[in-house]
Amino acid sequence: MQPSICALTPVFGVKIKNIDLSQKLNCGIIDKLKEAFEEHSLLLFPKQYITDEAHVAFTEHFGVSERPRKSFGSYHHKPNINVVINYDKEGNLYKANEPRARFRKGQRMWHTDGSYKSIPSIASILRACIVPPEGGHTQFASLRAAWNGLSKEDQNRFQNRTAVHHYAHSRRQMNIKFLSDEEAKKFPPVRHPMMRANPINGKKALYVSSYAAYIEGEDKTESCKELEMLLRFAGQKRFAYDHKWQVGDLVMYDNRSCLHRATPYPIDKYPRILRRTNIADNHPTMKNNILNAL
């Protein structure tokens, strides 16, 4: 049976049904999924009750799986699987204001996975294992639609601009030490173009994220404010899709052309587990893109 594909929103995203990701997929189906991914940026596969092994196997149809970065807010990681979770090794839910919960709340900011690295992830594949009865959605926003929504003047301005991204910048208001000194050295500030074009179809996207600290060559304070304004612009409702998770949902999204964020939920009341793989890219977004300091 061939998978069926239907639109999620008028601007991006498709739902794919009549497919079982626990089974081996033939080359024709994989090619169709790759084409849909490059064209629509976000693929939703409902009712995929699969194992971690099947999750990784599906990921590797599209590229190499990244190994997850360890952090004090995450336990339960497996090789090539990142677990988004809100309880500790003993099964205790995080308290609402403890550092680990505040770290998780950082996911409520619009971002693209890995833009703080010199080689960001191409895509992420996220599946729902346990979801709260209220809140805890994931919202996605099309950076292609945002680019197309800019004025011609702004497009011309940002076409060749570079922004500096830094992991610490997105967590600057949390007042917690979320990186060890060793980790901080691994993730220095990096430079990325503010416009990224898809290598297959040439479609342009406004590349902004909560990791973006300032625009290179401009006043840091003022350009930081401008990047925050662009992030709000890109995340507005007309460019966005709000996904209310059901157990078994699997979503594949393009980090080159999508923002995403979590919506609030009672983090100290209900468990929430999403499991994620990331597809590695093999080259930086631009030459000489690592900085030594902000």
C-alpha atoms as a PDB file:
ATOM      1  CA  MET A   1       0.000   0.000   0.000  1.00  0.00           C
ATOM      2  CA  GLN A   2       1.309   3.436  -0.922  1.00  0.00           C
ATOM      3  CA  PRO A   3       1.301   6.112   1.817  1.00  0.00           C
ATOM      4  CA  SER A   4      -1.266   8.899   1.567  1.00  0.00           C
ATOM      5  CA  ILE A   5      -0.123  12.505   1.948  1.00  0.00           C
ATOM      6  CA  CYS A   6      -2.321  15.476   2.872  1.00  0.00           C
ATOM      7  CA  ALA A   7      -1.562  19.068   3.898  1.00  0.00           C
ATOM      8  CA  LEU A   8      -1.349  20.102   7.553  1.00  0.00           C
ATOM      9  CA  THR A   9      -1.447  23.874   6.950  1.00  0.00           C
ATOM     10  CA  PRO A  10      -1.729  26.154   3.909  1.00  0.00           C
ATOM     11  CA  VAL A  11       1.965  27.066   4.152  1.00  0.00           C
ATOM     12  CA  PHE A  12       3.905  23.943   5.212  1.00  0.00           C
ATOM     13  CA  GLY A  13       3.723  20.444   6.626  1.00  0.00           C
ATOM     14  CA  VAL A  14       1.990  17.230   5.577  1.00  0.00           C
ATOM     15  CA  LYS A  15       0.376  14.270   7.355  1.00  0.00           C
ATOM     16  CA  ILE A  16       1.409  10.844   6.071  1.00  0.00           C
ATOM     17  CA  LYS A  17      -0.872   7.853   6.649  1.00  0.00           C
ATOM     18  CA  ASN A  18      -1.025   4.234   5.448  1.00  0.00           C
ATOM     19  CA  ILE A  19       2.576   3.600   6.442  1.00  0.00           C
ATOM     20  CA  ASP A  20       4.137   1.457   9.174  1.00  0.00           C
ATOM     21  CA  LEU A  21       7.556   2.692  10.214  1.00  0.00           C
ATOM     22  CA  SER A  22       8.247  -0.495  12.155  1.00  0.00           C
ATOM     23  CA  GLN A  23       8.502  -2.344   8.834  1.00  0.00           C
ATOM     24  CA  LYS A  24      11.233  -2.240   6.220  1.00  0.00           C
ATOM     25  CA  LEU A  25      10.433   0.469   3.662  1.00  0.00           C
ATOM     26  CA  ASN A  26      11.248   0.046  -0.012  1.00  0.00           C
ATOM     27  CA  CYS A  27      13.334   2.548  -1.971  1.00  0.00           C
ATOM     28  CA  GLY A  28      10.299   3.978  -3.767  1.00  0.00           C
ATOM     29  CA  ILE A  29       8.591   4.928  -0.497  1.00  0.00           C
ATOM     30  CA  ILE A  30      11.788   6.360   0.962  1.00  0.00           C
ATOM     31  CA  ASP A  31      12.267   8.494  -2.161  1.00  0.00           C
ATOM     32  CA  LYS A  32       8.694   9.765  -1.843  1.00  0.00           C
ATOM     33  CA  LEU A  33       9.268  10.670   1.823  1.00  0.00           C
ATOM     34  CA  LYS A  34      12.526  12.456   1.000  1.00  0.00           C
ATOM     35  CA  GLU A  35      10.753  14.470  -1.694  1.00  0.00           C
ATOM     36  CA  ALA A  36       7.939  15.385   0.725  1.00  0.00           C
ATOM     37  CA  PHE A  37      10.454  16.402   3.395  1.00  0.00           C
ATOM     38  CA  GLU A  38      12.414  18.731   1.093  1.00  0.00           C
ATOM     39  CA  GLU A  39       9.205  20.266  -0.258  1.00  0.00           C
ATOM     40  CA  HIS A  40       7.094  20.603   2.910  1.00  0.00           C
ATOM     41  CA  SER A  41       9.672  20.835   5.767  1.00  0.00           C
ATOM     42  CA  LEU A  42       7.541  18.877   8.278  1.00  0.00           C
ATOM     43  CA  LEU A  43       6.150  15.336   8.091  1.00  0.00           C
ATOM     44  CA  LEU A  44       3.628  13.972  10.635  1.00  0.00           C
ATOM     45  CA  PHE A  45       3.250  10.200  10.935  1.00  0.00           C
ATOM     46  CA  PRO A  46       0.378   9.320  13.325  1.00  0.00           C
ATOM     47  CA  LYS A  47       0.056   6.020  15.224  1.00  0.00           C
ATOM     48  CA  GLN A  48       3.664   4.858  14.991  1.00  0.00           C
ATOM     49  CA  TYR A  49       4.147   2.680  18.083  1.00  0.00           C
ATOM     50  CA  ILE A  50       7.753   1.817  17.332  1.00  0.00           C
ATOM     51  CA  THR A  51      10.865   0.836  19.275  1.00  0.00           C
ATOM     52  CA  ASP A  52      13.975   2.955  19.653  1.00  0.00           C
ATOM     53  CA  GLU A  53      15.713   0.602  17.231  1.00  0.00           C
ATOM     54  CA  ALA A  54      13.036   1.157  14.569  1.00  0.00           C
ATOM     55  CA  HIS A  55      13.210   4.908  15.231  1.00  0.00           C
ATOM     56  CA  VAL A  56      16.967   4.934  14.571  1.00  0.00           C
ATOM     57  CA  ALA A  57      16.588   2.657  11.536  1.00  0.00           C
ATOM     58  CA  PHE A  58      14.017   5.035  10.020  1.00  0.00           C
ATOM     59  CA  THR A  59      16.298   8.001  10.733  1.00  0.00           C
ATOM     60  CA  GLU A  60      19.203   6.390   8.925  1.00  0.00           C
ATOM     61  CA  HIS A  61      17.250   6.261   5.670  1.00  0.00           C
ATOM     62  CA  PHE A  62      17.866  10.012   5.568  1.00  0.00           C
ATOM     63  CA  GLY A  63      21.415  10.290   6.897  1.00  0.00           C
ATOM     64  CA  VAL A  64      23.703   9.668   9.846  1.00  0.00           C
ATOM     65  CA  SER A  65      22.202   9.808  13.358  1.00  0.00           C
ATOM     66  CA  GLU A  66      23.888  12.238  15.729  1.00  0.00           C
ATOM     67  CA  ARG A  67      24.852  11.164  19.211  1.00  0.00           C
ATOM     68  CA  PRO A  68      22.944  13.232  21.791  1.00  0.00           C
ATOM     69  CA  ARG A  69      24.734  15.812  23.917  1.00  0.00           C
ATOM     70  CA  LYS A  70      24.682  15.011  27.626  1.00  0.00           C
ATOM     71  CA  SER A  71      23.317  17.649  29.974  1.00  0.00           C
ATOM     72  CA  PHE A  72      22.335  17.883  33.619  1.00  0.00           C
ATOM     73  CA  GLY A  73      18.657  18.104  32.563  1.00  0.00           C
ATOM     74  CA  SER A  74      18.639  14.775  30.714  1.00  0.00           C
ATOM     75  CA  TYR A  75      19.040  11.157  31.806  1.00  0.00           C
ATOM     76  CA  HIS A  76      17.701   8.090  29.987  1.00  0.00           C
ATOM     77  CA  HIS A  77      19.642   8.846  26.773  1.00  0.00           C
ATOM     78  CA  LYS A  78      20.530   5.895  24.563  1.00  0.00           C
ATOM     79  CA  PRO A  79      23.033   5.812  21.709  1.00  0.00           C
ATOM     80  CA  ASN A  80      21.615   8.087  19.003  1.00  0.00           C
ATOM     81  CA  ILE A  81      18.401   8.743  20.981  1.00  0.00           C
ATOM     82  CA  ASN A  82      17.818  11.977  22.902  1.00  0.00           C
ATOM     83  CA  VAL A  83      15.107  11.724  25.550  1.00  0.00           C
ATOM     84  CA  VAL A  84      13.097  14.849  26.408  1.00  0.00           C
ATOM     85  CA  ILE A  85      11.907  13.996  29.889  1.00  0.00           C
ATOM     86  CA  ASN A  86      10.805  15.761  33.088  1.00  0.00           C
ATOM     87  CA  TYR A  87      11.722  13.271  35.810  1.00  0.00           C
ATOM     88  CA  ASP A  88      14.923  11.910  37.308  1.00  0.00           C
ATOM     89  CA  LYS A  89      16.532   8.472  37.455  1.00  0.00           C
ATOM     90  CA  GLU A  90      14.396   7.535  40.458  1.00  0.00           C
ATOM     91  CA  GLY A  91      11.168   8.511  38.690  1.00  0.00           C
ATOM     92  CA  ASN A  92      10.607  11.737  40.643  1.00  0.00           C
ATOM     93  CA  LEU A  93       9.054  14.589  38.677  1.00  0.00           C
ATOM     94  CA  TYR A  94      11.077  17.786  38.592  1.00  0.00           C
ATOM     95  CA  LYS A  95       9.974  20.493  41.002  1.00  0.00           C
ATOM     96  CA  ALA A  96       8.564  23.510  39.161  1.00  0.00           C
ATOM     97  CA  ASN A  97      11.441  25.925  39.798  1.00  0.00           C
ATOM     98  CA  GLU A  98      14.470  23.683  40.166  1.00  0.00           C
ATOM     99  CA  PRO A  99      17.321  24.125  37.637  1.00  0.00           C
ATOM    100  CA  ARG A 100      16.422  21.015  35.617  1.00  0.00           C
ATOM    101  CA  ALA A 101      12.832  22.209  35.188  1.00  0.00           C
ATOM    102  CA  ARG A 102      14.027  25.695  34.230  1.00  0.00           C
ATOM    103  CA  PHE A 103      16.358  24.092  31.715  1.00  0.00           C
ATOM    104  CA  ARG A 104      13.386  22.226  30.213  1.00  0.00           C
ATOM    105  CA  LYS A 105      11.366  25.445  30.125  1.00  0.00           C
ATOM    106  CA  GLY A 106      14.037  26.846  27.830  1.00  0.00           C
ATOM    107  CA  GLN A 107      12.457  24.700  25.143  1.00  0.00           C
ATOM    108  CA  ARG A 108       9.533  27.133  25.149  1.00  0.00           C
ATOM    109  CA  MET A 109      11.642  29.585  23.135  1.00  0.00           C
ATOM    110  CA  TRP A 110      11.543  29.417  19.334  1.00  0.00           C
ATOM    111  CA  HIS A 111      14.674  27.628  18.117  1.00  0.00           C
ATOM    112  CA  THR A 112      16.152  25.298  15.547  1.00  0.00           C
ATOM    113  CA  ASP A 113      18.005  22.237  16.828  1.00  0.00           C
ATOM    114  CA  GLY A 114      21.755  22.648  16.772  1.00  0.00           C
ATOM    115  CA  SER A 115      22.136  26.175  15.410  1.00  0.00           C
ATOM    116  CA  TYR A 116      24.646  26.752  18.237  1.00  0.00           C
ATOM    117  CA  LYS A 117      26.978  24.262  16.482  1.00  0.00           C
ATOM    118  CA  SER A 118      29.204  24.925  13.491  1.00  0.00           C
ATOM    119  CA  ILE A 119      27.388  22.108  11.672  1.00  0.00           C
ATOM    120  CA  PRO A 120      23.703  22.154  12.725  1.00  0.00           C
ATOM    121  CA  SER A 121      21.428  19.135  12.382  1.00  0.00           C
ATOM    122  CA  ILE A 122      19.668  18.787   9.048  1.00  0.00           C
ATOM    123  CA  ALA A 123      16.524  17.400  10.654  1.00  0.00           C
ATOM    124  CA  SER A 124      15.043  16.020  13.861  1.00  0.00           C
ATOM    125  CA  ILE A 125      12.634  13.105  14.241  1.00  0.00           C
ATOM    126  CA  LEU A 126      10.551  13.341  17.413  1.00  0.00           C
ATOM    127  CA  ARG A 127       8.083  10.762  18.716  1.00  0.00           C
ATOM    128  CA  ALA A 128       5.640  10.914  21.606  1.00  0.00           C
ATOM    129  CA  CYS A 129       5.829   8.189  24.271  1.00  0.00           C
ATOM    130  CA  ILE A 130       4.039   9.827  27.241  1.00  0.00           C
ATOM    131  CA  VAL A 131       2.093  13.078  26.940  1.00  0.00           C
ATOM    132  CA  PRO A 132       0.384  15.212  29.612  1.00  0.00           C
ATOM    133  CA  PRO A 133      -3.403  15.640  29.540  1.00  0.00           C
ATOM    134  CA  GLU A 134      -2.989  19.408  29.241  1.00  0.00           C
ATOM    135  CA  GLY A 135      -0.405  21.552  27.477  1.00  0.00           C
ATOM    136  CA  GLY A 136       2.970  20.274  26.346  1.00  0.00           C
ATOM    137  CA  HIS A 137       2.250  20.766  22.646  1.00  0.00           C
ATOM    138  CA  THR A 138       5.017  21.431  20.154  1.00  0.00           C
ATOM    139  CA  GLN A 139       4.553  24.389  17.866  1.00  0.00           C
ATOM    140  CA  PHE A 140       6.365  24.652  14.541  1.00  0.00           C
ATOM    141  CA  ALA A 141       6.859  27.709  12.340  1.00  0.00           C
ATOM    142  CA  SER A 142       7.942  27.895   8.700  1.00  0.00           C
ATOM    143  CA  LEU A 143      11.077  29.973   8.157  1.00  0.00           C
ATOM    144  CA  ARG A 144      10.381  29.795   4.418  1.00  0.00           C
ATOM    145  CA  ALA A 145       7.002  31.455   4.919  1.00  0.00           C
ATOM    146  CA  ALA A 146       8.690  34.018   7.164  1.00  0.00           C
ATOM    147  CA  TRP A 147      11.258  34.795   4.460  1.00  0.00           C
ATOM    148  CA  ASN A 148       8.518  35.182   1.869  1.00  0.00           C
ATOM    149  CA  GLY A 149       6.639  37.449   4.299  1.00  0.00           C
ATOM    150  CA  LEU A 150       9.525  39.906   4.584  1.00  0.00           C
ATOM    151  CA  SER A 151       9.560  43.063   2.517  1.00  0.00           C
ATOM    152  CA  LYS A 152      11.843  43.060  -0.542  1.00  0.00           C
ATOM    153  CA  GLU A 153      13.961  45.643   1.251  1.00  0.00           C
ATOM    154  CA  ASP A 154      14.474  43.318   4.233  1.00  0.00           C
ATOM    155  CA  GLN A 155      15.119  40.329   1.984  1.00  0.00           C
ATOM    156  CA  ASN A 156      17.819  42.269   0.175  1.00  0.00           C
ATOM    157  CA  ARG A 157      19.306  43.332   3.508  1.00  0.00           C
ATOM    158  CA  PHE A 158      19.406  39.895   5.127  1.00  0.00           C
ATOM    159  CA  GLN A 159      20.311  37.961   1.967  1.00  0.00           C
ATOM    160  CA  ASN A 160      24.033  38.260   2.720  1.00  0.00           C
ATOM    161  CA  ARG A 161      24.015  38.998   6.454  1.00  0.00           C
ATOM    162  CA  THR A 162      25.568  36.721   9.074  1.00  0.00           C
ATOM    163  CA  ALA A 163      24.305  36.148  12.627  1.00  0.00           C
ATOM    164  CA  VAL A 164      26.368  34.842  15.532  1.00  0.00           C
ATOM    165  CA  HIS A 165      24.711  31.958  17.409  1.00  0.00           C
ATOM    166  CA  HIS A 166      25.705  30.799  20.893  1.00  0.00           C
ATOM    167  CA  TYR A 167      24.173  28.176  23.186  1.00  0.00           C
ATOM    168  CA  ALA A 168      24.572  30.383  26.245  1.00  0.00           C
ATOM    169  CA  HIS A 169      22.593  33.188  24.624  1.00  0.00           C
ATOM    170  CA  SER A 170      19.326  31.221  24.591  1.00  0.00           C
ATOM    171  CA  ARG A 171      19.613  30.429  28.320  1.00  0.00           C
ATOM    172  CA  ARG A 172      20.828  33.865  29.370  1.00  0.00           C
ATOM    173  CA  GLN A 173      17.790  34.661  31.579  1.00  0.00           C
ATOM    174  CA  MET A 174      17.682  31.386  33.523  1.00  0.00           C
ATOM    175  CA  ASN A 175      20.440  32.134  36.030  1.00  0.00           C
ATOM    176  CA  ILE A 176      21.691  28.538  36.014  1.00  0.00           C
ATOM    177  CA  LYS A 177      24.966  26.935  34.983  1.00  0.00           C
ATOM    178  CA  PHE A 178      23.751  24.592  32.255  1.00  0.00           C
ATOM    179  CA  LEU A 179      27.125  23.861  30.643  1.00  0.00           C
ATOM    180  CA  SER A 180      30.233  22.521  32.306  1.00  0.00           C
ATOM    181  CA  ASP A 181      33.461  24.368  31.527  1.00  0.00           C
ATOM    182  CA  GLU A 182      34.447  21.471  29.264  1.00  0.00           C
ATOM    183  CA  GLU A 183      31.124  21.607  27.385  1.00  0.00           C
ATOM    184  CA  ALA A 184      31.357  25.383  27.020  1.00  0.00           C
ATOM    185  CA  LYS A 185      34.663  24.968  25.206  1.00  0.00           C
ATOM    186  CA  LYS A 186      33.016  22.507  22.814  1.00  0.00           C
ATOM    187  CA  PHE A 187      30.343  25.034  21.834  1.00  0.00           C
ATOM    188  CA  PRO A 188      31.965  28.412  21.139  1.00  0.00           C
ATOM    189  CA  PRO A 189      29.967  31.087  19.266  1.00  0.00           C
ATOM    190  CA  VAL A 190      29.419  30.258  15.593  1.00  0.00           C
ATOM    191  CA  ARG A 191      28.473  32.233  12.475  1.00  0.00           C
ATOM    192  CA  HIS A 192      25.502  31.303  10.260  1.00  0.00           C
ATOM    193  CA  PRO A 193      23.927  33.037   7.250  1.00  0.00           C
ATOM    194  CA  MET A 194      20.602  34.714   7.936  1.00  0.00           C
ATOM    195  CA  MET A 195      19.191  33.245   4.731  1.00  0.00           C
ATOM    196  CA  ARG A 196      19.527  29.537   3.945  1.00  0.00           C
ATOM    197  CA  ALA A 197      18.487  28.072   0.619  1.00  0.00           C
ATOM    198  CA  ASN A 198      17.426  24.429   0.303  1.00  0.00           C
ATOM    199  CA  PRO A 199      20.118  22.588  -1.702  1.00  0.00           C
ATOM    200  CA  ILE A 200      17.523  20.516  -3.591  1.00  0.00           C
ATOM    201  CA  ASN A 201      14.860  23.041  -4.603  1.00  0.00           C
ATOM    202  CA  GLY A 202      16.465  26.404  -3.827  1.00  0.00           C
ATOM    203  CA  LYS A 203      13.644  27.579  -1.537  1.00  0.00           C
ATOM    204  CA  LYS A 204      14.866  30.292   0.822  1.00  0.00           C
ATOM    205  CA  ALA A 205      14.380  30.437   4.587  1.00  0.00           C
ATOM    206  CA  LEU A 206      15.024  33.138   7.194  1.00  0.00           C
ATOM    207  CA  TYR A 207      17.520  31.448   9.505  1.00  0.00           C
ATOM    208  CA  VAL A 208      16.894  32.811  13.010  1.00  0.00           C
ATOM    209  CA  SER A 209      16.699  31.116  16.391  1.00  0.00           C
ATOM    210  CA  SER A 210      16.784  31.890  20.110  1.00  0.00           C
ATOM    211  CA  TYR A 211      20.478  30.957  19.883  1.00  0.00           C
ATOM    212  CA  ALA A 212      21.163  33.944  17.578  1.00  0.00           C
ATOM    213  CA  ALA A 213      22.919  36.623  19.660  1.00  0.00           C
ATOM    214  CA  TYR A 214      23.679  39.445  17.234  1.00  0.00           C
ATOM    215  CA  ILE A 215      24.223  40.341  13.577  1.00  0.00           C
ATOM    216  CA  GLU A 216      27.857  40.415  12.609  1.00  0.00           C
ATOM    217  CA  GLY A 217      29.223  43.865  11.798  1.00  0.00           C
ATOM    218  CA  GLU A 218      26.347  45.673  13.539  1.00  0.00           C
ATOM    219  CA  ASP A 219      25.810  47.023  17.039  1.00  0.00           C
ATOM    220  CA  LYS A 220      25.410  43.957  19.271  1.00  0.00           C
ATOM    221  CA  THR A 221      22.650  45.347  21.472  1.00  0.00           C
ATOM    222  CA  GLU A 222      20.551  46.794  18.660  1.00  0.00           C
ATOM    223  CA  SER A 223      21.010  43.821  16.331  1.00  0.00           C
ATOM    224  CA  CYS A 224      20.091  41.463  19.198  1.00  0.00           C
ATOM    225  CA  LYS A 225      16.802  43.340  19.507  1.00  0.00           C
ATOM    226  CA  GLU A 226      16.299  43.072  15.752  1.00  0.00           C
ATOM    227  CA  LEU A 227      16.898  39.310  15.840  1.00  0.00           C
ATOM    228  CA  GLU A 228      14.337  38.987  18.636  1.00  0.00           C
ATOM    229  CA  MET A 229      11.869  40.956  16.521  1.00  0.00           C
ATOM    230  CA  LEU A 230      12.538  38.668  13.536  1.00  0.00           C
ATOM    231  CA  LEU A 231      12.005  35.632  15.769  1.00  0.00           C
ATOM    232  CA  ARG A 232       8.602  36.984  16.844  1.00  0.00           C
ATOM    233  CA  PHE A 233       7.791  37.745  13.206  1.00  0.00           C
ATOM    234  CA  ALA A 234       8.714  34.219  12.102  1.00  0.00           C
ATOM    235  CA  GLY A 235       6.705  32.626  14.921  1.00  0.00           C
ATOM    236  CA  GLN A 236       3.445  34.418  14.264  1.00  0.00           C
ATOM    237  CA  LYS A 237       0.295  32.346  13.897  1.00  0.00           C
ATOM    238  CA  ARG A 238      -0.040  32.591  10.102  1.00  0.00           C
ATOM    239  CA  PHE A 239       3.329  30.831   9.684  1.00  0.00           C
ATOM    240  CA  ALA A 240       2.819  28.268  12.449  1.00  0.00           C
ATOM    241  CA  TYR A 241       1.355  24.848  13.206  1.00  0.00           C
ATOM    242  CA  ASP A 242       0.398  23.809  16.748  1.00  0.00           C
ATOM    243  CA  HIS A 243       0.765  20.066  17.278  1.00  0.00           C
ATOM    244  CA  LYS A 244      -1.149  18.510  20.163  1.00  0.00           C
ATOM    245  CA  TRP A 245       0.680  15.247  20.759  1.00  0.00           C
ATOM    246  CA  GLN A 246      -0.958  11.839  20.810  1.00  0.00           C
ATOM    247  CA  VAL A 247       1.054   8.836  21.948  1.00  0.00           C
ATOM    248  CA  GLY A 248       2.513   7.261  18.816  1.00  0.00           C
ATOM    249  CA  ASP A 249       2.851  10.491  16.843  1.00  0.00           C
ATOM    250  CA  LEU A 250       6.174  10.856  15.048  1.00  0.00           C
ATOM    251  CA  VAL A 251       7.171  14.195  13.518  1.00  0.00           C
ATOM    252  CA  MET A 252      10.136  14.811  11.232  1.00  0.00           C
ATOM    253  CA  TYR A 253      11.066  18.477  10.818  1.00  0.00           C
ATOM    254  CA  ASP A 254      13.692  20.382   8.844  1.00  0.00           C
ATOM    255  CA  ASN A 255      15.990  22.419  11.091  1.00  0.00           C
ATOM    256  CA  ARG A 256      17.108  24.472   8.084  1.00  0.00           C
ATOM    257  CA  SER A 257      13.602  25.806   7.485  1.00  0.00           C
ATOM    258  CA  CYS A 258      11.552  25.320  10.689  1.00  0.00           C
ATOM    259  CA  LEU A 259      11.435  26.786  14.153  1.00  0.00           C
ATOM    260  CA  HIS A 260       9.845  24.862  16.996  1.00  0.00           C
ATOM    261  CA  ARG A 261       9.034  25.330  20.672  1.00  0.00           C
ATOM    262  CA  ALA A 262       7.161  23.545  23.465  1.00  0.00           C
ATOM    263  CA  THR A 263       4.050  25.016  25.055  1.00  0.00           C
ATOM    264  CA  PRO A 264       3.717  25.188  28.873  1.00  0.00           C
ATOM    265  CA  TYR A 265       2.301  22.346  30.953  1.00  0.00           C
ATOM    266  CA  PRO A 266       2.373  21.465  34.684  1.00  0.00           C
ATOM    267  CA  ILE A 267       5.925  20.088  34.619  1.00  0.00           C
ATOM    268  CA  ASP A 268       5.773  19.007  38.284  1.00  0.00           C
ATOM    269  CA  LYS A 269       2.417  17.253  37.891  1.00  0.00           C
ATOM    270  CA  TYR A 270       2.445  15.141  34.717  1.00  0.00           C
ATOM    271  CA  PRO A 271       5.209  13.071  33.103  1.00  0.00           C
ATOM    272  CA  ARG A 272       6.102  13.878  29.502  1.00  0.00           C
ATOM    273  CA  ILE A 273       8.487  11.827  27.363  1.00  0.00           C
ATOM    274  CA  LEU A 274       9.422  12.555  23.781  1.00  0.00           C
ATOM    275  CA  ARG A 275      12.242  10.636  22.101  1.00  0.00           C
ATOM    276  CA  ARG A 276      14.294  12.313  19.388  1.00  0.00           C
ATOM    277  CA  THR A 277      16.895  11.497  16.789  1.00  0.00           C
ATOM    278  CA  ASN A 278      18.836  14.072  14.826  1.00  0.00           C
ATOM    279  CA  ILE A 279      20.197  13.748  11.302  1.00  0.00           C
ATOM    280  CA  ALA A 280      23.741  15.045  10.987  1.00  0.00           C
ATOM    281  CA  ASP A 281      24.907  17.332   8.210  1.00  0.00           C
ATOM    282  CA  ASN A 282      28.413  16.887   6.793  1.00  0.00           C
ATOM    283  CA  HIS A 283      29.519  20.477   6.186  1.00  0.00           C
ATOM    284  CA  PRO A 284      29.234  23.858   7.939  1.00  0.00           C
ATOM    285  CA  THR A 285      26.788  26.517   6.754  1.00  0.00           C
ATOM    286  CA  MET A 286      29.710  28.782   5.781  1.00  0.00           C
ATOM    287  CA  LYS A 287      33.518  28.848   5.878  1.00  0.00           C
ATOM    288  CA  ASN A 288      35.402  30.017   8.980  1.00  0.00           C
ATOM    289  CA  ASN A 289      32.252  30.038  11.073  1.00  0.00           C
ATOM    290  CA  ILE A 290      33.674  29.358  14.567  1.00  0.00           C
ATOM    291  CA  LEU A 291      34.474  32.311  16.852  1.00  0.00           C
ATOM    292  CA  ASN A 292      36.621  32.251  19.982  1.00  0.00           C
ATOM    293  CA  ALA A 293      34.502  34.671  22.012  1.00  0.00           C
ATOM    294  CA  LEU A 294      31.382  36.811  21.868  1.00  0.00           C
END
